[in-house]
């Protein structure tokens, strides 16, 4: 059956979250010890494809929670433009995120960072014995999130959860009760969201999809765009909420679906953007983490009253299911997206 691996990986992912949290609990003391020893002036998060978008969210969360400057780059930027990205390597902690731990650009970027006197390298990966892990001072593993399918779903979410735990822990939060509640929240969310995501995914009159997210949610919006593009070959784009009003809103028609990853902090502004797009004739979907009522056409309610840093992972399962059902509706196989492989290897001679 087309998509059987992807469907299983999406719907069982809370089990992988639970495993990642157990691994984090085991390493939390070492994480804090190394953090104190390194005392970085800034963090650089890198990844490729999905993990670059994960890096965007991780950097936003880390800077907001700890006050330490954090930047996110595609790994290739460290290789191609080191004078712009690695000028402060000696004062920086590099956090490399990779599902496989074998992606050529990520390995080469880590080597570049180390050659320039980088302070330390931490890795978040699903393969704790990978070449990338061997280059690292600390490895946060999500081994139970390994996947059969090409597109990242439970691996992305599990590695994201490790970045959320890392940022909150180093910021001094008591993270244990909340983080250990997230797997059960995820199971309930998947059950709640799937009927609507299946309905919207099967609606092939929706020719274009737009994902709006601001703050830490922007990286998640980019990842939702990538999943929709990879799995279903549907034209999709991601924007910050307010930026969508500066030109892109001209694409809001009855043939488009605009999915808004609403945040607790900026709900009023972001919700208004969705209402404006609905007035222009677009279909709208709100993922709502507040107690405020969303009067958009479609909505998924996330649990209210969680801290902002806990939310990013919860936007993922509904949007992954949307891409999965859209792929099936178009007669595609989400397990094996066209022209893609699970790992990208490049000729290192070009570097």
Protein backbone atom coordinates (compact mmCIF):
# COMPACT_ATOMS: atom_id res chain seq x y z
CA UNK A 1 0.00 0.00 0.00
CA UNK A 2 1.30 3.43 -0.93
CA UNK A 3 2.36 5.47 2.06
CA UNK A 4 2.14 2.74 4.70
CA UNK A 5 5.49 3.67 6.24
CA UNK A 6 4.75 7.38 6.23
CA UNK A 7 1.35 6.88 7.81
CA UNK A 8 2.78 4.69 10.55
CA UNK A 9 5.62 7.13 11.20
CA UNK A 10 3.21 10.05 11.54
CA UNK A 11 0.62 8.34 13.70
CA UNK A 12 3.02 6.55 16.05
CA UNK A 13 5.40 9.44 16.50
CA UNK A 14 4.42 10.20 20.13
CA UNK A 15 6.12 6.91 21.04
CA UNK A 16 9.32 8.21 19.45
CA UNK A 17 8.90 11.51 21.32
CA UNK A 18 8.74 9.53 24.56
CA UNK A 19 11.96 7.71 23.72
CA UNK A 20 13.75 10.95 22.83
CA UNK A 21 12.70 12.51 26.13
CA UNK A 22 14.03 9.51 28.03
CA UNK A 23 17.37 9.92 26.25
CA UNK A 24 17.39 13.62 27.06
CA UNK A 25 16.71 12.99 30.74
CA UNK A 26 19.71 10.67 30.84
CA UNK A 27 21.96 13.32 29.25
CA UNK A 28 20.58 16.50 30.84
CA UNK A 29 23.25 16.66 33.54
CA UNK A 30 26.05 16.28 30.98
CA UNK A 31 24.37 18.89 28.76
CA UNK A 32 24.42 21.43 31.57
CA UNK A 33 27.98 20.56 32.53
CA UNK A 34 29.23 21.07 28.98
CA UNK A 35 27.21 24.26 28.61
CA UNK A 36 28.90 25.74 31.67
CA UNK A 37 32.33 24.61 30.49
CA UNK A 38 31.91 25.99 26.97
CA UNK A 39 30.10 29.25 27.92
CA UNK A 40 29.53 30.21 24.26
CA UNK A 41 28.87 33.76 23.19
CA UNK A 42 26.55 32.56 20.45
CA UNK A 43 25.05 29.44 18.89
CA UNK A 44 25.00 28.39 15.27
CA UNK A 45 22.36 25.82 14.27
CA UNK A 46 22.81 24.02 10.93
CA UNK A 47 20.96 21.45 8.90
CA UNK A 48 19.93 20.62 5.33
CA UNK A 49 16.40 20.59 3.98
CA UNK A 50 14.02 19.73 6.79
CA UNK A 51 16.72 20.05 9.43
CA UNK A 52 17.58 23.55 8.23
CA UNK A 53 13.98 24.52 8.93
CA UNK A 54 14.26 22.75 12.28
CA UNK A 55 17.34 24.90 12.91
CA UNK A 56 15.31 28.05 12.26
CA UNK A 57 12.86 27.14 14.99
CA UNK A 58 15.61 25.95 17.34
CA UNK A 59 17.57 29.19 16.99
CA UNK A 60 14.47 31.31 17.59
CA UNK A 61 13.56 29.32 20.69
CA UNK A 62 17.06 29.27 22.09
CA UNK A 63 17.62 32.99 21.74
CA UNK A 64 14.22 33.81 23.22
CA UNK A 65 14.68 31.52 26.23
CA UNK A 66 18.37 32.00 27.07
CA UNK A 67 19.14 35.45 25.72
CA UNK A 68 22.21 34.03 23.95
CA UNK A 69 22.36 35.10 20.28
CA UNK A 70 21.52 32.19 17.98
CA UNK A 71 21.57 31.92 14.20
CA UNK A 72 20.38 29.26 11.76
CA UNK A 73 22.06 28.45 8.45
CA UNK A 74 21.86 25.74 5.83
CA UNK A 75 25.04 23.71 6.31
CA UNK A 76 26.15 24.68 2.81
CA UNK A 77 26.39 28.34 3.83
CA UNK A 78 29.22 27.53 6.25
CA UNK A 79 31.08 25.85 3.42
CA UNK A 80 30.46 28.35 0.63
CA UNK A 81 30.50 31.58 2.66
CA UNK A 82 32.64 30.96 5.75
CA UNK A 83 33.72 34.58 5.98
CA UNK A 84 30.09 35.53 6.62
CA UNK A 85 29.05 32.63 8.81
CA UNK A 86 32.14 31.53 10.75
CA UNK A 87 33.87 34.78 11.59
CA UNK A 88 33.16 34.20 15.30
CA UNK A 89 33.71 30.44 15.37
CA UNK A 90 36.02 30.62 18.38
CA UNK A 91 33.19 32.06 20.48
CA UNK A 92 30.47 29.81 19.07
CA UNK A 93 28.82 26.50 19.84
CA UNK A 94 27.73 24.69 16.68
CA UNK A 95 24.58 22.54 16.90
CA UNK A 96 24.39 20.24 13.88
CA UNK A 97 21.03 18.57 13.22
CA UNK A 98 20.84 15.60 10.86
CA UNK A 99 18.49 12.63 10.70
CA UNK A 100 21.14 10.31 9.24
CA UNK A 101 24.33 11.90 10.51
CA UNK A 102 25.87 11.25 7.07
CA UNK A 103 24.79 14.23 4.94
CA UNK A 104 27.84 15.51 3.05
CA UNK A 105 27.23 19.23 3.57
CA UNK A 106 26.68 18.87 7.30
CA UNK A 107 29.83 16.80 7.81
CA UNK A 108 31.89 19.23 5.73
CA UNK A 109 30.45 22.24 7.58
CA UNK A 110 31.39 20.71 10.94
CA UNK A 111 34.92 20.15 9.68
CA UNK A 112 35.11 23.78 8.52
CA UNK A 113 33.90 24.97 11.91
CA UNK A 114 36.46 22.88 13.76
CA UNK A 115 39.29 23.95 11.48
CA UNK A 116 38.45 27.58 12.25
CA UNK A 117 38.77 26.98 15.98
CA UNK A 118 35.10 26.51 16.83
CA UNK A 119 34.40 26.07 20.52
CA UNK A 120 32.40 22.82 20.47
CA UNK A 121 29.99 20.77 18.34
CA UNK A 122 26.75 19.26 19.59
CA UNK A 123 24.71 16.96 17.39
CA UNK A 124 21.05 16.02 17.32
CA UNK A 125 20.46 12.92 15.21
CA UNK A 126 18.53 9.67 14.87
CA UNK A 127 21.77 7.72 14.45
CA UNK A 128 23.99 8.21 17.52
CA UNK A 129 26.85 6.14 16.04
CA UNK A 130 26.96 8.04 12.73
CA UNK A 131 30.00 9.88 11.31
CA UNK A 132 28.53 13.18 12.45
CA UNK A 133 28.11 11.90 15.99
CA UNK A 134 31.76 10.81 15.97
CA UNK A 135 32.80 14.42 15.29
CA UNK A 136 30.75 15.81 18.16
CA UNK A 137 31.36 16.69 21.80
CA UNK A 138 27.77 15.85 22.78
CA UNK A 139 25.10 13.79 20.99
CA UNK A 140 21.37 14.05 21.71
CA UNK A 141 19.82 10.96 20.11
CA UNK A 142 16.34 10.24 18.78
CA UNK A 143 17.06 6.64 17.81
CA UNK A 144 13.44 5.46 17.98
CA UNK A 145 12.51 8.05 15.34
CA UNK A 146 14.44 6.32 12.54
CA UNK A 147 12.28 6.00 9.41
CA UNK A 148 11.67 3.79 6.39
CA UNK A 149 10.22 6.62 4.30
CA UNK A 150 12.15 9.39 2.58
CA UNK A 151 10.30 12.45 3.88
CA UNK A 152 11.02 13.30 7.50
CA UNK A 153 8.03 13.19 9.86
CA UNK A 154 8.57 11.56 13.24
CA UNK A 155 12.33 12.14 12.94
CA UNK A 156 11.82 15.87 12.48
CA UNK A 157 9.38 16.08 15.37
CA UNK A 158 11.54 14.03 17.73
CA UNK A 159 14.68 16.03 16.97
CA UNK A 160 12.70 19.24 17.34
CA UNK A 161 11.53 18.07 20.76
CA UNK A 162 15.17 17.61 21.77
CA UNK A 163 15.95 21.21 20.79
CA UNK A 164 12.93 22.43 22.78
CA UNK A 165 14.06 20.45 25.81
CA UNK A 166 17.63 21.68 25.43
CA UNK A 167 16.68 25.35 25.21
CA UNK A 168 14.20 25.21 28.09
CA UNK A 169 16.53 23.22 30.33
CA UNK A 170 19.50 25.53 29.79
CA UNK A 171 17.20 28.50 30.41
CA UNK A 172 16.43 27.09 33.85
CA UNK A 173 12.87 25.87 33.32
CA UNK A 174 11.47 22.87 35.16
CA UNK A 175 10.72 21.00 31.98
CA UNK A 176 9.99 17.47 33.17
CA UNK A 177 6.22 17.61 33.89
CA UNK A 178 5.31 19.45 30.70
CA UNK A 179 7.57 17.63 28.29
CA UNK A 180 6.45 14.26 29.55
CA UNK A 181 2.84 15.27 28.96
CA UNK A 182 3.50 16.01 25.28
CA UNK A 183 3.34 12.42 23.95
CA UNK A 184 -0.20 11.96 25.28
CA UNK A 185 -1.14 15.40 23.96
CA UNK A 186 0.25 14.32 20.59
CA UNK A 187 -1.81 11.13 20.53
CA UNK A 188 -5.01 13.06 21.24
CA UNK A 189 -4.11 15.67 18.65
CA UNK A 190 -3.54 13.10 15.91
CA UNK A 191 -6.92 11.50 16.60
CA UNK A 192 -8.63 14.90 16.62
CA UNK A 193 -6.96 16.25 13.49
CA UNK A 194 -6.96 13.33 11.08
CA UNK A 195 -10.59 13.48 9.83
CA UNK A 196 -10.30 17.15 8.87
CA UNK A 197 -6.80 16.73 7.39
CA UNK A 198 -8.04 13.80 5.31
CA UNK A 199 -11.00 15.86 4.07
CA UNK A 200 -8.81 18.81 3.10
CA UNK A 201 -6.14 16.57 1.63
CA UNK A 202 -8.66 14.92 -0.68
CA UNK A 203 -9.97 18.27 -1.92
CA UNK A 204 -7.95 18.55 -5.12
CA UNK A 205 -9.77 21.76 -6.07
CA UNK A 206 -7.27 23.39 -3.71
CA UNK A 207 -4.45 23.99 -6.15
CA UNK A 208 -2.07 25.97 -3.94
CA UNK A 209 -1.29 25.88 -0.24
CA UNK A 210 0.28 28.58 1.90
CA UNK A 211 1.64 28.11 5.40
CA UNK A 212 1.95 31.15 7.66
CA UNK A 213 4.03 31.20 10.83
CA UNK A 214 5.93 33.84 12.75
CA UNK A 215 8.53 33.70 15.50
CA UNK A 216 9.52 30.10 16.26
CA UNK A 217 6.62 28.93 14.08
CA UNK A 218 8.25 30.23 10.87
CA UNK A 219 10.58 27.24 10.69
CA UNK A 220 7.58 24.94 11.20
CA UNK A 221 5.68 26.71 8.40
CA UNK A 222 8.68 26.12 6.12
CA UNK A 223 8.75 22.45 7.08
CA UNK A 224 5.00 22.13 6.37
CA UNK A 225 5.63 23.68 2.95
CA UNK A 226 8.43 21.21 2.30
CA UNK A 227 6.34 18.19 3.34
CA UNK A 228 3.49 19.26 1.06
CA UNK A 229 5.91 19.81 -1.82
CA UNK A 230 7.82 16.56 -1.31
CA UNK A 231 4.92 14.22 -0.71
CA UNK A 232 2.22 15.63 -2.97
CA UNK A 233 4.03 17.77 -5.60
CA UNK A 234 1.62 20.59 -4.80
CA UNK A 235 2.77 24.22 -5.23
CA UNK A 236 3.24 25.47 -1.68
CA UNK A 237 4.93 28.40 -0.01
CA UNK A 238 5.62 29.59 3.53
CA UNK A 239 5.54 33.18 4.79
CA UNK A 240 5.59 35.16 7.99
CA UNK A 241 2.02 36.17 8.81
CA UNK A 242 2.34 39.90 8.32
CA UNK A 243 4.58 39.53 5.26
CA UNK A 244 1.82 37.62 3.49
CA UNK A 245 -0.12 40.89 3.36
CA UNK A 246 2.70 42.59 1.43
CA UNK A 247 2.09 41.12 -1.99
CA UNK A 248 1.57 37.34 -1.61
CA UNK A 249 -2.04 37.82 -0.50
CA UNK A 250 -2.83 38.49 -4.16
CA UNK A 251 -2.71 34.69 -4.53
CA UNK A 252 -5.52 34.16 -2.04
CA UNK A 253 -8.36 32.72 -4.12
CA UNK A 254 -11.00 30.01 -3.87
CA UNK A 255 -8.40 27.58 -5.19
CA UNK A 256 -5.98 28.18 -2.32
CA UNK A 257 -5.79 27.03 1.29
CA UNK A 258 -4.02 29.30 3.76
CA UNK A 259 -2.96 27.45 6.93
CA UNK A 260 -2.07 29.69 9.86
CA UNK A 261 0.14 28.45 12.70
CA UNK A 262 -1.26 30.86 15.25
CA UNK A 263 0.87 31.72 18.26
CA UNK A 264 -0.26 32.59 21.80
CA UNK A 265 1.83 35.76 21.72
CA UNK A 266 0.61 37.28 18.45
CA UNK A 267 -2.79 35.61 18.10
CA UNK A 268 -4.77 38.82 17.55
CA UNK A 269 -2.60 40.04 14.68
CA UNK A 270 -2.19 36.64 13.06
CA UNK A 271 -5.85 35.69 13.30
CA UNK A 272 -6.78 38.96 11.63
CA UNK A 273 -4.62 38.06 8.64
CA UNK A 274 -6.53 34.81 8.19
CA UNK A 275 -9.86 36.65 8.39
CA UNK A 276 -8.70 39.12 5.76
CA UNK A 277 -7.68 36.28 3.45
CA UNK A 278 -11.08 34.63 3.92
CA UNK A 279 -12.74 37.89 2.90
CA UNK A 280 -10.73 37.74 -0.32
CA UNK A 281 -12.15 34.28 -1.05
CA UNK A 282 -9.37 31.99 0.17
CA UNK A 283 -10.01 28.92 2.29
CA UNK A 284 -8.41 29.21 5.72
CA UNK A 285 -7.19 26.75 8.34
CA UNK A 286 -6.20 27.88 11.83
CA UNK A 287 -4.06 25.85 14.20
CA UNK A 288 -5.08 27.60 17.39
CA UNK A 289 -3.15 27.32 20.69
CA UNK A 290 -5.32 29.79 22.61
CA UNK A 291 -8.68 29.81 24.36
CA UNK A 292 -9.89 32.47 21.92
CA UNK A 293 -12.47 31.24 19.42
CA UNK A 294 -11.19 31.06 15.86
CA UNK A 295 -13.91 31.83 13.32
CA UNK A 296 -11.87 30.69 10.34
CA UNK A 297 -13.42 28.19 7.94
CA UNK A 298 -11.42 25.27 9.34
CA UNK A 299 -9.56 24.97 12.62
CA UNK A 300 -7.61 22.60 14.84
CA UNK A 301 -7.49 23.43 18.53
CA UNK A 302 -4.17 22.88 20.29
CA UNK A 303 -4.15 22.64 24.09
CA UNK A 304 -4.22 26.18 25.52
CA UNK A 305 -2.13 27.63 28.32
CA UNK A 306 1.14 25.86 27.56
CA UNK A 307 4.29 28.01 27.54
CA UNK A 308 5.19 29.33 24.10
CA UNK A 309 8.32 27.16 23.83
CA UNK A 310 6.28 23.96 24.16
CA UNK A 311 4.10 24.53 21.07
CA UNK A 312 6.26 24.09 17.94
CA UNK A 313 6.10 20.28 17.92
CA UNK A 314 2.29 20.29 18.17
CA UNK A 315 1.75 22.01 14.81
CA UNK A 316 3.50 19.16 13.02
CA UNK A 317 1.19 16.09 13.12
CA UNK A 318 -1.86 17.79 11.55
CA UNK A 319 0.20 19.35 8.75
CA UNK A 320 2.07 16.10 8.10
CA UNK A 321 -1.28 14.30 7.82
CA UNK A 322 -2.51 16.97 5.40
CA UNK A 323 0.48 16.34 3.11
CA UNK A 324 0.07 12.57 3.42
CA UNK A 325 -3.62 12.58 2.46
CA UNK A 326 -3.00 15.06 -0.34
CA UNK A 327 -0.35 12.73 -1.77
CA UNK A 328 -2.72 9.76 -1.75
CA UNK A 329 -5.49 11.82 -3.34
CA UNK A 330 -3.15 12.58 -6.25
CA UNK A 331 -2.24 8.90 -6.68
CA UNK A 332 1.32 9.36 -5.40
CA UNK A 333 3.39 7.37 -2.94
CA UNK A 334 4.37 9.54 0.05
CA UNK A 335 6.93 6.91 1.10
CA UNK A 336 8.93 7.53 -2.06
CA UNK A 337 8.67 11.12 -3.31
CA UNK A 338 9.73 11.68 -6.89
CA UNK A 339 13.46 12.30 -7.49
CA UNK A 340 14.32 12.21 -3.76
CA UNK A 341 16.49 10.03 -1.54
CA UNK A 342 16.64 9.88 2.24
CA UNK A 343 20.24 11.16 2.36
CA UNK A 344 22.02 13.56 0.01
CA UNK A 345 25.65 12.74 -0.77
CA UNK A 346 27.80 15.16 -2.72
CA UNK A 347 31.25 14.98 -4.26
CA UNK A 348 33.43 16.57 -1.58
CA UNK A 349 35.90 17.60 -4.27
CA UNK A 350 33.62 20.52 -5.12
CA UNK A 351 34.33 21.91 -1.63
